[in-house]
Protein backbone atom coordinates (compact mmCIF):
# COMPACT_ATOMS: atom_id res chain seq x y z
CA MET A 1 5.35 -65.03 -32.55
CA ALA A 2 2.91 -65.01 -35.45
CA ARG A 3 2.63 -61.84 -37.43
CA LYS A 4 -0.62 -59.94 -37.17
CA ALA A 5 -2.21 -59.98 -40.61
CA LEU A 6 -4.99 -58.12 -42.29
CA ILE A 7 -7.25 -59.50 -45.00
CA LEU A 8 -7.96 -56.93 -47.67
CA LEU A 9 -10.62 -57.67 -50.27
CA VAL A 10 -9.73 -55.83 -53.46
CA PHE A 11 -12.35 -55.78 -56.19
CA CYS A 12 -13.33 -53.11 -58.72
CA ALA A 13 -12.88 -50.34 -56.13
CA ALA A 14 -9.16 -51.10 -56.00
CA LEU A 15 -8.17 -48.12 -58.12
CA ALA A 16 -10.00 -45.66 -55.90
CA THR A 17 -8.47 -47.22 -52.81
CA ALA A 18 -5.00 -47.17 -54.33
CA SER A 19 -5.40 -43.52 -55.30
CA THR A 20 -6.39 -42.66 -51.73
CA VAL A 21 -3.38 -44.49 -50.30
CA PHE A 22 -1.09 -42.77 -52.77
CA ALA A 23 -2.55 -39.35 -51.88
CA LEU A 24 -1.98 -39.98 -48.18
CA ALA A 25 1.58 -41.12 -48.83
CA ALA A 26 2.21 -37.93 -50.78
CA GLU A 27 1.56 -35.77 -47.69
CA LYS A 28 5.10 -35.00 -46.52
CA LEU A 29 4.93 -36.30 -42.95
CA GLU A 30 1.21 -37.05 -42.61
CA GLY A 31 0.72 -40.10 -40.42
CA ARG A 32 4.36 -40.22 -39.27
CA LYS A 33 4.86 -40.64 -35.54
CA VAL A 34 7.89 -39.14 -33.82
CA LEU A 35 9.05 -39.70 -30.25
CA LEU A 36 11.03 -36.82 -28.74
CA ILE A 37 12.90 -37.80 -25.57
CA ILE A 38 13.85 -35.00 -23.19
CA ALA A 39 15.68 -34.99 -19.86
CA SER A 40 13.72 -34.55 -16.63
CA ASN A 41 15.42 -31.16 -16.39
CA ASN A 42 17.94 -29.02 -18.30
CA PHE A 43 17.23 -30.18 -21.83
CA ARG A 44 18.44 -27.67 -24.43
CA ASP A 45 15.49 -25.43 -25.33
CA GLU A 46 16.04 -24.82 -29.04
CA GLU A 47 17.15 -28.39 -29.67
CA TYR A 48 13.63 -29.35 -28.62
CA SER A 49 11.52 -26.47 -29.96
CA VAL A 50 13.07 -26.11 -33.43
CA PRO A 51 12.81 -29.77 -34.52
CA ARG A 52 9.34 -30.10 -32.98
CA LEU A 53 8.03 -27.08 -34.87
CA ALA A 54 9.53 -28.25 -38.17
CA LEU A 55 8.12 -31.76 -37.79
CA GLU A 56 4.65 -30.59 -36.76
CA GLN A 57 4.48 -28.09 -39.60
CA GLN A 58 4.92 -30.99 -42.01
CA GLY A 59 2.16 -33.05 -40.36
CA ALA A 60 4.09 -35.36 -38.02
CA LYS A 61 2.49 -36.41 -34.75
CA ILE A 62 4.77 -35.73 -31.79
CA THR A 63 4.92 -37.62 -28.49
CA VAL A 64 7.25 -36.39 -25.74
CA ALA A 65 8.76 -38.98 -23.41
CA CYS A 66 10.80 -38.47 -20.26
CA SER A 67 11.96 -40.31 -17.15
CA SER A 68 9.41 -38.25 -15.19
CA LEU A 69 5.95 -36.87 -15.93
CA ASN A 70 6.70 -33.69 -14.00
CA GLU A 71 7.19 -30.49 -15.96
CA SER A 72 10.71 -30.26 -17.36
CA VAL A 73 12.45 -26.90 -17.70
CA GLY A 74 14.99 -26.15 -20.40
CA MET A 75 18.51 -24.88 -19.77
CA LEU A 76 17.58 -21.42 -21.08
CA LYS A 77 14.30 -21.35 -19.12
CA GLN A 78 12.49 -20.61 -22.38
CA GLN A 79 10.79 -23.97 -22.67
CA LYS A 80 8.68 -25.73 -20.04
CA VAL A 81 7.43 -29.08 -21.20
CA LYS A 82 4.94 -31.50 -19.65
CA PRO A 83 5.87 -34.94 -21.03
CA ASP A 84 3.16 -37.10 -22.57
CA VAL A 85 4.50 -40.43 -21.38
CA LEU A 86 7.20 -42.08 -19.31
CA ILE A 87 10.10 -43.46 -21.31
CA THR A 88 9.51 -46.81 -19.59
CA LYS A 89 6.07 -47.00 -21.21
CA VAL A 90 7.01 -46.50 -24.86
CA LYS A 91 7.93 -49.06 -27.50
CA ALA A 92 10.07 -48.44 -30.56
CA ASP A 93 7.62 -50.15 -32.91
CA SER A 94 4.99 -47.50 -32.13
CA PHE A 95 7.04 -44.76 -33.82
CA ASP A 96 8.70 -43.97 -37.13
CA ALA A 97 11.46 -41.96 -35.47
CA VAL A 98 13.02 -41.80 -32.01
CA VAL A 99 14.83 -38.53 -31.27
CA PHE A 100 16.98 -37.80 -28.22
CA ILE A 101 17.18 -34.10 -27.35
CA GLY A 102 20.43 -32.74 -25.93
CA GLY A 103 21.36 -30.36 -23.14
CA VAL A 104 23.34 -31.20 -19.99
CA GLY A 105 20.32 -33.06 -18.59
CA ALA A 106 20.62 -35.70 -21.32
CA LYS A 107 23.45 -37.28 -19.34
CA GLU A 108 20.81 -39.06 -17.28
CA TYR A 109 20.26 -41.36 -20.25
CA PHE A 110 23.91 -42.20 -20.94
CA THR A 111 23.65 -45.40 -18.89
CA ASN A 112 19.87 -45.63 -18.56
CA LYS A 113 18.99 -49.20 -19.59
CA THR A 114 15.53 -48.24 -20.81
CA ALA A 115 16.87 -45.45 -23.03
CA LEU A 116 19.68 -47.59 -24.43
CA LYS A 117 17.31 -50.47 -25.16
CA LEU A 118 14.85 -48.14 -26.86
CA ALA A 119 17.56 -46.70 -29.11
CA ALA A 120 18.90 -50.16 -29.97
CA GLU A 121 15.45 -51.58 -30.73
CA ALA A 122 14.48 -48.61 -32.90
CA HIS A 123 17.68 -49.03 -34.89
CA LYS A 124 17.17 -52.78 -35.23
CA GLN A 125 13.65 -52.19 -36.50
CA LYS A 126 15.09 -49.78 -39.08
CA LYS A 127 13.34 -46.78 -37.60
CA ILE A 128 14.93 -43.36 -37.80
CA VAL A 129 17.14 -42.77 -34.77
CA ALA A 130 18.41 -39.26 -34.08
CA ALA A 131 20.20 -37.24 -31.40
CA ILE A 132 21.62 -33.75 -30.97
CA CYS A 133 24.28 -32.07 -28.81
CA ILE A 134 25.60 -34.54 -26.21
CA ALA A 135 22.72 -36.97 -26.84
CA PRO A 136 24.53 -38.88 -29.65
CA SER A 137 26.51 -40.44 -26.78
CA ILE A 138 23.31 -42.26 -25.87
CA LEU A 139 23.26 -43.78 -29.34
CA ALA A 140 26.95 -44.65 -29.08
CA ASN A 141 26.41 -46.39 -25.74
CA ALA A 142 23.48 -48.29 -27.24
CA GLY A 143 25.68 -49.63 -30.04
CA VAL A 144 23.74 -47.74 -32.71
CA LEU A 145 26.71 -45.80 -34.11
CA LYS A 146 29.08 -48.67 -34.86
CA GLY A 147 30.53 -48.03 -38.31
CA LYS A 148 28.33 -44.95 -38.73
CA LYS A 149 29.40 -41.46 -39.70
CA ALA A 150 28.28 -39.29 -36.78
CA THR A 151 28.86 -36.08 -34.87
CA VAL A 152 28.37 -34.83 -31.31
CA PHE A 153 29.16 -31.91 -29.02
CA GLN A 154 32.96 -31.81 -28.97
CA SER A 155 33.30 -32.83 -25.30
CA GLU A 156 31.72 -36.20 -26.18
CA ALA A 157 33.84 -36.96 -29.24
CA ASP A 158 35.87 -39.66 -27.48
CA ASN A 159 32.71 -41.41 -26.34
CA LEU A 160 31.47 -41.64 -29.92
CA LYS A 161 34.79 -43.07 -31.05
CA LYS A 162 34.67 -45.66 -28.26
CA GLY A 163 31.22 -46.61 -29.52
CA GLY A 164 32.66 -47.37 -32.93
CA ALA A 165 31.42 -44.26 -34.71
CA ASN A 166 33.29 -42.44 -37.44
CA TYR A 167 33.32 -39.07 -35.66
CA THR A 168 33.39 -36.17 -38.13
CA GLY A 169 32.98 -33.07 -35.98
CA GLY A 170 30.50 -31.71 -38.52
CA ALA A 171 27.35 -29.80 -37.65
CA VAL A 172 24.98 -32.54 -38.80
CA GLU A 173 25.57 -36.03 -40.13
CA VAL A 174 23.13 -38.43 -41.79
CA ASP A 175 24.14 -42.04 -42.24
CA GLY A 176 21.31 -44.28 -43.36
CA ASN A 177 18.54 -43.99 -40.79
CA VAL A 178 20.77 -42.30 -38.19
CA VAL A 179 20.86 -38.51 -37.80
CA THR A 180 23.21 -36.72 -35.39
CA ALA A 181 24.01 -33.05 -34.71
CA ASN A 182 26.64 -31.34 -32.59
CA GLY A 183 24.75 -28.64 -30.71
CA PRO A 184 22.15 -25.86 -30.52
CA GLN A 185 23.66 -23.89 -33.40
CA ALA A 186 22.79 -26.86 -35.63
CA ALA A 187 19.19 -27.15 -34.39
CA GLN A 188 17.60 -25.86 -37.59
CA GLN A 189 19.79 -27.96 -39.87
CA PHE A 190 19.10 -30.97 -37.64
CA ALA A 191 15.37 -30.26 -37.96
CA ASN A 192 15.60 -29.95 -41.74
CA GLU A 193 17.45 -33.25 -42.07
CA LEU A 194 14.93 -34.99 -39.81
CA VAL A 195 12.08 -33.80 -42.01
CA LYS A 196 13.90 -34.90 -45.15
CA VAL A 197 14.86 -38.35 -43.86
CA LEU A 198 11.43 -38.95 -42.36
CA ALA A 199 9.72 -37.92 -45.61
CA GLU A 200 11.81 -40.53 -47.45
CA PHE A 201 11.26 -43.17 -44.77
CA LYS A 202 9.40 -46.21 -46.11
CA ILE A 203 6.55 -46.67 -43.65
CA LEU A 204 5.94 -50.28 -44.69
CA SER A 205 9.59 -51.30 -44.51
CA GLY A 206 9.83 -54.86 -43.20
CA LYS A 207 6.15 -55.61 -43.85
CA LYS A 208 5.18 -58.58 -45.99
CA VAL A 209 2.08 -58.72 -48.18
CA VAL A 210 0.72 -61.60 -50.24
CA MET A 211 -1.53 -60.77 -53.18
CA ILE A 212 -3.68 -63.62 -54.46
CA ILE A 213 -4.79 -63.66 -58.08
CA ALA A 214 -6.84 -65.99 -60.27
CA GLN A 215 -5.04 -68.13 -62.80
CA ASP A 216 -7.05 -66.48 -65.55
CA LYS A 217 -8.90 -63.15 -65.88
CA PHE A 218 -7.72 -61.37 -62.75
CA ARG A 219 -8.15 -57.61 -63.08
CA ASP A 220 -4.79 -56.23 -64.20
CA GLU A 221 -4.78 -52.82 -62.49
CA GLU A 222 -6.21 -54.25 -59.26
CA LEU A 223 -2.96 -56.16 -58.93
CA GLN A 224 -0.55 -53.69 -60.50
CA LYS A 225 -1.53 -50.41 -58.82
CA PRO A 226 -1.75 -51.63 -55.20
CA LYS A 227 1.43 -53.66 -55.69
CA GLU A 228 3.26 -50.60 -57.02
CA ILE A 229 2.17 -48.44 -54.09
CA LEU A 230 2.91 -51.10 -51.47
CA THR A 231 6.36 -51.64 -52.94
CA LYS A 232 7.11 -47.90 -52.99
CA LEU A 233 6.19 -47.73 -49.32
CA GLY A 234 8.70 -50.48 -48.55
CA ALA A 235 6.56 -53.60 -48.34
CA GLU A 236 7.76 -56.94 -49.69
CA VAL A 237 5.00 -58.19 -52.01
CA THR A 238 4.49 -61.86 -52.92
CA VAL A 239 2.05 -62.86 -55.68
CA ALA A 240 0.27 -66.19 -55.22
CA ALA A 241 -2.02 -68.10 -57.60
CA PRO A 242 -3.49 -71.62 -57.84
CA LYS A 243 -0.54 -72.71 -60.00
CA LYS A 244 3.00 -71.45 -60.68
CA ASP A 245 2.16 -71.14 -64.38
CA ALA A 246 1.81 -67.64 -65.84
CA CYS A 247 -1.49 -65.97 -65.02
CA LYS A 248 -3.43 -63.86 -67.54
CA GLY A 249 -5.21 -60.65 -66.72
CA MET A 250 -8.47 -59.44 -68.23
CA LEU A 251 -6.63 -56.64 -70.01
CA GLY A 252 -3.79 -58.82 -71.27
CA ALA A 253 -1.18 -58.70 -68.52
CA GLU A 254 0.82 -61.86 -67.90
CA VAL A 255 2.17 -62.45 -64.41
CA LYS A 256 4.37 -65.27 -63.17
CA PRO A 257 3.34 -65.98 -59.55
CA ASP A 258 5.99 -66.18 -56.85
CA THR A 259 4.26 -69.08 -55.14
CA THR A 260 1.06 -71.11 -55.04
CA ILE A 261 -1.89 -70.52 -52.73
CA SER A 262 -1.23 -73.92 -51.14
CA ASN A 263 2.18 -72.69 -49.96
CA VAL A 264 0.89 -69.47 -48.39
CA LYS A 265 1.25 -69.47 -44.61
CA VAL A 266 -0.74 -66.55 -43.23
CA GLU A 267 1.41 -66.11 -40.14
CA LYS A 268 4.33 -65.09 -42.35
CA PHE A 269 2.48 -62.07 -43.75
CA ASP A 270 1.19 -58.77 -42.46
CA ALA A 271 -1.56 -58.51 -45.07
CA VAL A 272 -3.42 -60.82 -47.45
CA VAL A 273 -4.94 -59.19 -50.53
CA LEU A 274 -7.50 -60.95 -52.73
CA VAL A 275 -7.40 -59.36 -56.17
CA GLY A 276 -10.64 -59.08 -58.15
CA GLY A 277 -11.66 -59.57 -61.75
CA VAL A 278 -14.16 -62.09 -63.12
CA GLY A 279 -11.62 -64.85 -62.61
CA ALA A 280 -11.88 -64.36 -58.84
CA LYS A 281 -15.16 -66.28 -58.96
CA GLU A 282 -13.08 -69.45 -58.92
CA PHE A 283 -12.27 -68.64 -55.28
CA PHE A 284 -15.89 -68.34 -54.13
CA ASP A 285 -16.10 -72.03 -53.23
CA ASP A 286 -12.37 -72.70 -52.99
CA LYS A 287 -11.60 -74.60 -49.77
CA LYS A 288 -7.97 -73.43 -49.78
CA ILE A 289 -9.07 -69.79 -49.78
CA HIS A 290 -11.65 -70.50 -47.09
CA LYS A 291 -8.97 -72.15 -44.95
CA LEU A 292 -6.66 -69.19 -45.50
CA ALA A 293 -9.38 -66.86 -44.21
CA LYS A 294 -10.02 -69.09 -41.19
CA ASP A 295 -6.30 -69.28 -40.44
CA THR A 296 -6.12 -65.50 -40.33
CA ASN A 297 -8.86 -65.47 -37.71
CA LYS A 298 -6.94 -67.97 -35.63
CA ASN A 299 -4.04 -65.54 -35.67
CA LYS A 300 -6.24 -62.76 -34.20
CA ILE A 301 -6.49 -60.85 -37.44
CA THR A 302 -7.99 -57.39 -37.35
């Protein structure tokens, strides 16, 4: 399936745009989307409320999913939650983190195909995958914990080991993009680690961007600043020019392109950026650039 791409025209306003993007990225969890999955009944109250509060205080947007849209009541009767969406209706690629909340009710997801598939897909897409109390068993059954350092409520230790995890018995474990905790007493530490890992999460991880520059007199900072920010956010950036020879910027920068414009296939990228500078005038009547733009439209570009 072709990637959805976005054409971005970057001219002299590039610095202002880059500054805005950088400012947004600096907000700890601003723009991050987190899916909290609770049982249809008997989820563990504080394992839900503590992480949710911590995440929301840092700006994350929370969506609650469940196997039912009926109100779910926590084990301690302190929390009554009306889910936002059915677990069958959510997709991993819509979220930055997928978190399974524990409590005895979480057992309903141990063999639930939808839950296991969601956990596996989130992990494959390099999203943050987390679980607390007995819920790490869901991750183990989904194959997410193979070779991972993880913890769980003690009664489920054998299940984690069967799933290939390196069970530690600790309160909270973080291994790459996987976060696990062993019970309600670890709720606050679990919440803190979620915030930390999510803040460090590269929101453009796996995305590919091609930046097109003129062979001569492209605007240096209009390439350098956006490229720096995109790279910091996890994107893979490719620089393309008419030729593979070194390109010269208006302010003296020399850049060796990764490829030529002729070799750019739009469907392989998530974004196409045309960098400005007086040299960009050479593209005004360039048939290759025109074709590139038309190809993006054929791929239903936004």
